[in-house]
């Protein structure tokens, strides 16, 4: 469920992933919020604290990967 929410969030909000990688203000917060919403839609409930942290870790890995991308300006 967590991996699905992270993947769906990254697909739907690739612009926020790139913006967070570029350290644009508020991009990370918006991306994290979308990840939580994606989890809620799939699970039918809010994430537990541990699940929330796992979602953030998954999203942060995507941001880090975007930072390493050769297409990053």
PDB file of N, CA and C in Angstrom:
ATOM      1  N   UNK A   1       0.820  -1.186   0.000  1.00  0.00           N
ATOM      2  CA  UNK A   1       0.000   0.000   0.000  1.00  0.00           C
ATOM      3  C   UNK A   1       0.869   1.257   0.000  1.00  0.00           C
ATOM      4  N   UNK A   2       1.907   1.259   0.810  1.00  0.00           N
ATOM      5  CA  UNK A   2       2.794   2.416   0.893  1.00  0.00           C
ATOM      6  C   UNK A   2       3.521   2.615  -0.425  1.00  0.00           C
ATOM      7  N   UNK A   3       4.073   1.535  -0.966  1.00  0.00           N
ATOM      8  CA  UNK A   3       4.799   1.649  -2.235  1.00  0.00           C
ATOM      9  C   UNK A   3       3.887   2.124  -3.360  1.00  0.00           C
ATOM     10  N   UNK A   4       2.645   1.637  -3.355  1.00  0.00           N
ATOM     11  CA  UNK A   4       1.684   2.073  -4.375  1.00  0.00           C
ATOM     12  C   UNK A   4       1.401   3.561  -4.252  1.00  0.00           C
ATOM     13  N   UNK A   5       1.210   4.032  -3.024  1.00  0.00           N
ATOM     14  CA  UNK A   5       0.924   5.455  -2.800  1.00  0.00           C
ATOM     15  C   UNK A   5       2.105   6.319  -3.214  1.00  0.00           C
ATOM     16  N   UNK A   6       3.307   5.878  -2.892  1.00  0.00           N
ATOM     17  CA  UNK A   6       4.508   6.635  -3.263  1.00  0.00           C
ATOM     18  C   UNK A   6       4.650   6.683  -4.780  1.00  0.00           C
ATOM     19  N   UNK A   7       4.510   5.540  -5.428  1.00  0.00           N
ATOM     20  CA  UNK A   7       4.657   5.487  -6.887  1.00  0.00           C
ATOM     21  C   UNK A   7       3.598   6.343  -7.573  1.00  0.00           C
ATOM     22  N   UNK A   8       2.354   6.240  -7.120  1.00  0.00           N
ATOM     23  CA  UNK A   8       1.274   7.026  -7.722  1.00  0.00           C
ATOM     24  C   UNK A   8       1.511   8.521  -7.524  1.00  0.00           C
ATOM     25  N   UNK A   9       1.993   8.893  -6.361  1.00  0.00           N
ATOM     26  CA  UNK A   9       2.272  10.302  -6.082  1.00  0.00           C
ATOM     27  C   UNK A   9       3.388  10.815  -6.976  1.00  0.00           C
ATOM     28  N   UNK A  10       4.427  10.034  -7.129  1.00  0.00           N
ATOM     29  CA  UNK A  10       5.550  10.453  -7.980  1.00  0.00           C
ATOM     30  C   UNK A  10       5.125  10.574  -9.438  1.00  0.00           C
ATOM     31  N   UNK A  11       4.273   9.666  -9.886  1.00  0.00           N
ATOM     32  CA  UNK A  11       3.776   9.751 -11.275  1.00  0.00           C
ATOM     33  C   UNK A  11       2.893  10.969 -11.465  1.00  0.00           C
ATOM     34  N   UNK A  12       1.966  11.176 -10.545  1.00  0.00           N
ATOM     35  CA  UNK A  12       0.984  12.257 -10.684  1.00  0.00           C
ATOM     36  C   UNK A  12       1.581  13.632 -10.425  1.00  0.00           C
ATOM     37  N   UNK A  13       2.668  13.678  -9.671  1.00  0.00           N
ATOM     38  CA  UNK A  13       3.235  14.968  -9.260  1.00  0.00           C
ATOM     39  C   UNK A  13       4.740  15.019  -9.520  1.00  0.00           C
ATOM     40  N   UNK A  14       5.125  14.605 -10.702  1.00  0.00           N
ATOM     41  CA  UNK A  14       6.546  14.621 -11.068  1.00  0.00           C
ATOM     42  C   UNK A  14       7.122  16.023 -10.974  1.00  0.00           C
ATOM     43  N   UNK A  15       6.308  17.024 -11.236  1.00  0.00           N
ATOM     44  CA  UNK A  15       6.766  18.406 -11.124  1.00  0.00           C
ATOM     45  C   UNK A  15       7.176  18.732  -9.689  1.00  0.00           C
ATOM     46  N   UNK A  16       6.418  18.242  -8.711  1.00  0.00           N
ATOM     47  CA  UNK A  16       6.773  18.490  -7.313  1.00  0.00           C
ATOM     48  C   UNK A  16       8.022  17.725  -6.901  1.00  0.00           C
ATOM     49  N   UNK A  17       8.207  16.536  -7.461  1.00  0.00           N
ATOM     50  CA  UNK A  17       9.439  15.775  -7.188  1.00  0.00           C
ATOM     51  C   UNK A  17      10.632  16.596  -7.672  1.00  0.00           C
ATOM     52  N   UNK A  18      10.545  17.106  -8.900  1.00  0.00           N
ATOM     53  CA  UNK A  18      11.640  17.923  -9.443  1.00  0.00           C
ATOM     54  C   UNK A  18      11.837  19.203  -8.632  1.00  0.00           C
ATOM     55  N   UNK A  19      10.732  19.855  -8.283  1.00  0.00           N
ATOM     56  CA  UNK A  19      10.836  21.090  -7.511  1.00  0.00           C
ATOM     57  C   UNK A  19      11.441  20.849  -6.126  1.00  0.00           C
ATOM     58  N   UNK A  20      11.062  19.754  -5.491  1.00  0.00           N
ATOM     59  CA  UNK A  20      11.647  19.428  -4.189  1.00  0.00           C
ATOM     60  C   UNK A  20      13.136  19.129  -4.341  1.00  0.00           C
ATOM     61  N   UNK A  21      13.515  18.465  -5.429  1.00  0.00           N
ATOM     62  CA  UNK A  21      14.936  18.192  -5.677  1.00  0.00           C
ATOM     63  C   UNK A  21      15.711  19.485  -5.864  1.00  0.00           C
ATOM     64  N   UNK A  22      15.059  20.494  -6.387  1.00  0.00           N
ATOM     65  CA  UNK A  22      15.686  21.809  -6.589  1.00  0.00           C
ATOM     66  C   UNK A  22      15.542  22.700  -5.368  1.00  0.00           C
ATOM     67  N   UNK A  23      14.963  22.170  -4.301  1.00  0.00           N
ATOM     68  CA  UNK A  23      14.764  22.885  -3.038  1.00  0.00           C
ATOM     69  C   UNK A  23      13.875  24.112  -3.201  1.00  0.00           C
ATOM     70  N   UNK A  24      12.873  23.996  -4.053  1.00  0.00           N
ATOM     71  CA  UNK A  24      11.913  25.094  -4.202  1.00  0.00           C
ATOM     72  C   UNK A  24      11.031  25.140  -2.965  1.00  0.00           C
ATOM     73  N   UNK A  25      10.778  26.353  -2.462  1.00  0.00           N
ATOM     74  CA  UNK A  25       9.951  26.479  -1.252  1.00  0.00           C
ATOM     75  C   UNK A  25       8.590  25.808  -1.413  1.00  0.00           C
ATOM     76  N   UNK A  26       8.195  25.117  -0.383  1.00  0.00           N
ATOM     77  CA  UNK A  26       6.895  24.456  -0.241  1.00  0.00           C
ATOM     78  C   UNK A  26       6.704  23.218  -1.108  1.00  0.00           C
ATOM     79  N   UNK A  27       7.637  22.895  -1.978  1.00  0.00           N
ATOM     80  CA  UNK A  27       7.467  21.731  -2.850  1.00  0.00           C
ATOM     81  C   UNK A  27       7.449  20.440  -2.040  1.00  0.00           C
ATOM     82  N   UNK A  28       8.369  20.311  -1.082  1.00  0.00           N
ATOM     83  CA  UNK A  28       8.415  19.076  -0.298  1.00  0.00           C
ATOM     84  C   UNK A  28       7.131  18.890   0.500  1.00  0.00           C
ATOM     85  N   UNK A  29       6.659  19.916   1.140  1.00  0.00           N
ATOM     86  CA  UNK A  29       5.433  19.813   1.926  1.00  0.00           C
ATOM     87  C   UNK A  29       4.237  19.406   1.076  1.00  0.00           C
ATOM     88  N   UNK A  30       4.142  20.002  -0.105  1.00  0.00           N
ATOM     89  CA  UNK A  30       3.044  19.651  -1.008  1.00  0.00           C
ATOM     90  C   UNK A  30       3.157  18.204  -1.472  1.00  0.00           C
ATOM     91  N   UNK A  31       4.357  17.771  -1.806  1.00  0.00           N
ATOM     92  CA  UNK A  31       4.572  16.391  -2.244  1.00  0.00           C
ATOM     93  C   UNK A  31       4.223  15.417  -1.120  1.00  0.00           C
ATOM     94  N   UNK A  32       4.687  15.702   0.082  1.00  0.00           N
ATOM     95  CA  UNK A  32       4.395  14.840   1.230  1.00  0.00           C
ATOM     96  C   UNK A  32       2.891  14.757   1.483  1.00  0.00           C
ATOM     97  N   UNK A  33       2.199  15.879   1.379  1.00  0.00           N
ATOM     98  CA  UNK A  33       0.748  15.887   1.582  1.00  0.00           C
ATOM     99  C   UNK A  33       0.038  15.040   0.522  1.00  0.00           C
ATOM    100  N   UNK A  34       0.477  15.151  -0.718  1.00  0.00           N
ATOM    101  CA  UNK A  34      -0.124  14.332  -1.777  1.00  0.00           C
ATOM    102  C   UNK A  34       0.109  12.848  -1.523  1.00  0.00           C
ATOM    103  N   UNK A  35       1.264  12.517  -0.971  1.00  0.00           N
ATOM    104  CA  UNK A  35       1.546  11.120  -0.641  1.00  0.00           C
ATOM    105  C   UNK A  35       0.600  10.583   0.411  1.00  0.00           C
ATOM    106  N   UNK A  36       0.304  11.382   1.408  1.00  0.00           N
ATOM    107  CA  UNK A  36      -0.623  10.971   2.465  1.00  0.00           C
ATOM    108  C   UNK A  36      -2.022  10.789   1.893  1.00  0.00           C
ATOM    109  N   UNK A  37      -2.430  11.720   1.043  1.00  0.00           N
ATOM    110  CA  UNK A  37      -3.753  11.620   0.414  1.00  0.00           C
ATOM    111  C   UNK A  37      -3.838  10.363  -0.451  1.00  0.00           C
ATOM    112  N   UNK A  38      -2.787  10.088  -1.200  1.00  0.00           N
ATOM    113  CA  UNK A  38      -2.779   8.885  -2.047  1.00  0.00           C
ATOM    114  C   UNK A  38      -2.917   7.626  -1.193  1.00  0.00           C
ATOM    115  N   UNK A  39      -2.256   7.594  -0.055  1.00  0.00           N
ATOM    116  CA  UNK A  39      -2.384   6.440   0.837  1.00  0.00           C
ATOM    117  C   UNK A  39      -3.826   6.316   1.338  1.00  0.00           C
ATOM    118  N   UNK A  40      -4.391   7.430   1.783  1.00  0.00           N
ATOM    119  CA  UNK A  40      -5.770   7.411   2.296  1.00  0.00           C
ATOM    120  C   UNK A  40      -6.749   6.896   1.256  1.00  0.00           C
ATOM    121  N   UNK A  41      -6.566   7.328   0.015  1.00  0.00           N
ATOM    122  CA  UNK A  41      -7.462   6.891  -1.058  1.00  0.00           C
ATOM    123  C   UNK A  41      -7.373   5.379  -1.275  1.00  0.00           C
ATOM    124  N   UNK A  42      -6.195   4.838  -1.150  1.00  0.00           N
ATOM    125  CA  UNK A  42      -6.007   3.408  -1.370  1.00  0.00           C
ATOM    126  C   UNK A  42      -6.405   2.570  -0.158  1.00  0.00           C
ATOM    127  N   UNK A  43      -6.048   3.030   1.021  1.00  0.00           N
ATOM    128  CA  UNK A  43      -6.293   2.244   2.234  1.00  0.00           C
ATOM    129  C   UNK A  43      -7.665   2.491   2.844  1.00  0.00           C
ATOM    130  N   UNK A  44      -8.279   3.607   2.513  1.00  0.00           N
ATOM    131  CA  UNK A  44      -9.567   3.936   3.106  1.00  0.00           C
ATOM    132  C   UNK A  44      -9.465   4.403   4.543  1.00  0.00           C
ATOM    133  N   UNK A  45      -8.280   4.785   4.936  1.00  0.00           N
ATOM    134  CA  UNK A  45      -8.038   5.262   6.307  1.00  0.00           C
ATOM    135  C   UNK A  45      -6.770   6.094   6.315  1.00  0.00           C
ATOM    136  N   UNK A  46      -6.593   6.916   7.336  1.00  0.00           N
ATOM    137  CA  UNK A  46      -5.332   7.663   7.421  1.00  0.00           C
ATOM    138  C   UNK A  46      -4.175   6.731   7.785  1.00  0.00           C
ATOM    139  N   UNK A  47      -2.974   7.089   7.396  1.00  0.00           N
ATOM    140  CA  UNK A  47      -1.830   6.251   7.762  1.00  0.00           C
ATOM    141  C   UNK A  47      -1.491   6.377   9.245  1.00  0.00           C
ATOM    142  N   UNK A  48      -0.941   5.311   9.785  1.00  0.00           N
ATOM    143  CA  UNK A  48      -0.411   5.373  11.151  1.00  0.00           C
ATOM    144  C   UNK A  48       0.853   6.235  11.112  1.00  0.00           C
ATOM    145  N   UNK A  49       1.390   6.551  12.263  1.00  0.00           N
ATOM    146  CA  UNK A  49       2.629   7.335  12.300  1.00  0.00           C
ATOM    147  C   UNK A  49       3.753   6.627  11.556  1.00  0.00           C
ATOM    148  N   UNK A  50       3.882   5.329  11.758  1.00  0.00           N
ATOM    149  CA  UNK A  50       4.939   4.566  11.085  1.00  0.00           C
ATOM    150  C   UNK A  50       4.714   4.561   9.572  1.00  0.00           C
ATOM    151  N   UNK A  51       3.467   4.405   9.153  1.00  0.00           N
ATOM    152  CA  UNK A  51       3.168   4.426   7.722  1.00  0.00           C
ATOM    153  C   UNK A  51       3.448   5.805   7.122  1.00  0.00           C
ATOM    154  N   UNK A  52       3.088   6.836   7.839  1.00  0.00           N
ATOM    155  CA  UNK A  52       3.342   8.197   7.369  1.00  0.00           C
ATOM    156  C   UNK A  52       4.841   8.415   7.163  1.00  0.00           C
ATOM    157  N   UNK A  53       5.620   7.994   8.128  1.00  0.00           N
ATOM    158  CA  UNK A  53       7.080   8.142   7.993  1.00  0.00           C
ATOM    159  C   UNK A  53       7.602   7.325   6.817  1.00  0.00           C
ATOM    160  N   UNK A  54       7.056   6.145   6.608  1.00  0.00           N
ATOM    161  CA  UNK A  54       7.480   5.305   5.480  1.00  0.00           C
ATOM    162  C   UNK A  54       7.128   5.962   4.141  1.00  0.00           C
ATOM    163  N   UNK A  55       5.993   6.599   4.078  1.00  0.00           N
ATOM    164  CA  UNK A  55       5.604   7.331   2.864  1.00  0.00           C
ATOM    165  C   UNK A  55       6.605   8.452   2.618  1.00  0.00           C
ATOM    166  N   UNK A  56       6.919   9.203   3.649  1.00  0.00           N
ATOM    167  CA  UNK A  56       7.876  10.306   3.501  1.00  0.00           C
ATOM    168  C   UNK A  56       9.243   9.798   3.069  1.00  0.00           C
ATOM    169  N   UNK A  57       9.679   8.676   3.618  1.00  0.00           N
ATOM    170  CA  UNK A  57      10.973   8.097   3.228  1.00  0.00           C
ATOM    171  C   UNK A  57      10.959   7.726   1.750  1.00  0.00           C
ATOM    172  N   UNK A  58       9.883   7.088   1.317  1.00  0.00           N
ATOM    173  CA  UNK A  58       9.779   6.710  -0.093  1.00  0.00           C
ATOM    174  C   UNK A  58       9.788   7.915  -1.015  1.00  0.00           C
ATOM    175  N   UNK A  59       9.060   8.943  -0.633  1.00  0.00           N
ATOM    176  CA  UNK A  59       9.042  10.161  -1.442  1.00  0.00           C
ATOM    177  C   UNK A  59      10.402  10.852  -1.431  1.00  0.00           C
ATOM    178  N   UNK A  60      11.057  10.871  -0.276  1.00  0.00           N
ATOM    179  CA  UNK A  60      12.371  11.513  -0.194  1.00  0.00           C
ATOM    180  C   UNK A  60      13.388  10.782  -1.069  1.00  0.00           C
ATOM    181  N   UNK A  61      13.278   9.466  -1.138  1.00  0.00           N
ATOM    182  CA  UNK A  61      14.167   8.700  -2.028  1.00  0.00           C
ATOM    183  C   UNK A  61      13.961   9.131  -3.481  1.00  0.00           C
ATOM    184  N   UNK A  62      12.715   9.368  -3.859  1.00  0.00           N
ATOM    185  CA  UNK A  62      12.431   9.833  -5.222  1.00  0.00           C
ATOM    186  C   UNK A  62      13.030  11.223  -5.453  1.00  0.00           C
ATOM    187  N   UNK A  63      12.944  12.074  -4.456  1.00  0.00           N
ATOM    188  CA  UNK A  63      13.539  13.417  -4.559  1.00  0.00           C
ATOM    189  C   UNK A  63      15.058  13.302  -4.701  1.00  0.00           C
ATOM    190  N   UNK A  64      15.669  12.459  -3.893  1.00  0.00           N
ATOM    191  CA  UNK A  64      17.116  12.259  -3.973  1.00  0.00           C
ATOM    192  C   UNK A  64      17.521  11.706  -5.340  1.00  0.00           C
ATOM    193  N   UNK A  65      16.735  10.784  -5.863  1.00  0.00           N
ATOM    194  CA  UNK A  65      17.025  10.231  -7.182  1.00  0.00           C
ATOM    195  C   UNK A  65      16.931  11.324  -8.254  1.00  0.00           C
ATOM    196  N   UNK A  66      15.957  12.209  -8.101  1.00  0.00           N
ATOM    197  CA  UNK A  66      15.824  13.316  -9.051  1.00  0.00           C
ATOM    198  C   UNK A  66      17.020  14.258  -8.966  1.00  0.00           C
ATOM    199  N   UNK A  67      17.553  14.427  -7.761  1.00  0.00           N
ATOM    200  CA  UNK A  67      18.749  15.266  -7.603  1.00  0.00           C
ATOM    201  C   UNK A  67      19.947  14.673  -8.325  1.00  0.00           C
ATOM    202  N   UNK A  68      20.023  13.355  -8.370  1.00  0.00           N
ATOM    203  CA  UNK A  68      21.132  12.672  -8.998  1.00  0.00           C
ATOM    204  C   UNK A  68      20.979  12.558 -10.513  1.00  0.00           C
ATOM    205  N   UNK A  69      19.792  12.862 -10.995  1.00  0.00           N
ATOM    206  CA  UNK A  69      19.500  12.721 -12.425  1.00  0.00           C
ATOM    207  C   UNK A  69      20.340  13.693 -13.237  1.00  0.00           C
ATOM    208  N   UNK A  70      20.931  13.236 -14.345  1.00  0.00           N
ATOM    209  CA  UNK A  70      21.753  14.116 -15.163  1.00  0.00           C
ATOM    210  C   UNK A  70      20.931  15.220 -15.839  1.00  0.00           C
ATOM    211  N   UNK A  71      19.625  15.089 -15.861  1.00  0.00           N
ATOM    212  CA  UNK A  71      18.806  16.130 -16.474  1.00  0.00           C
ATOM    213  C   UNK A  71      18.484  17.261 -15.525  1.00  0.00           C
ATOM    214  N   UNK A  72      18.871  17.119 -14.247  1.00  0.00           N
ATOM    215  CA  UNK A  72      18.661  18.183 -13.273  1.00  0.00           C
ATOM    216  C   UNK A  72      19.500  19.387 -13.639  1.00  0.00           C
ATOM    217  N   UNK A  73      18.909  20.563 -13.774  1.00  0.00           N
ATOM    218  CA  UNK A  73      19.730  21.765 -14.032  1.00  0.00           C
ATOM    219  C   UNK A  73      20.473  22.222 -12.800  1.00  0.00           C
TER     220      UNK A  73
END
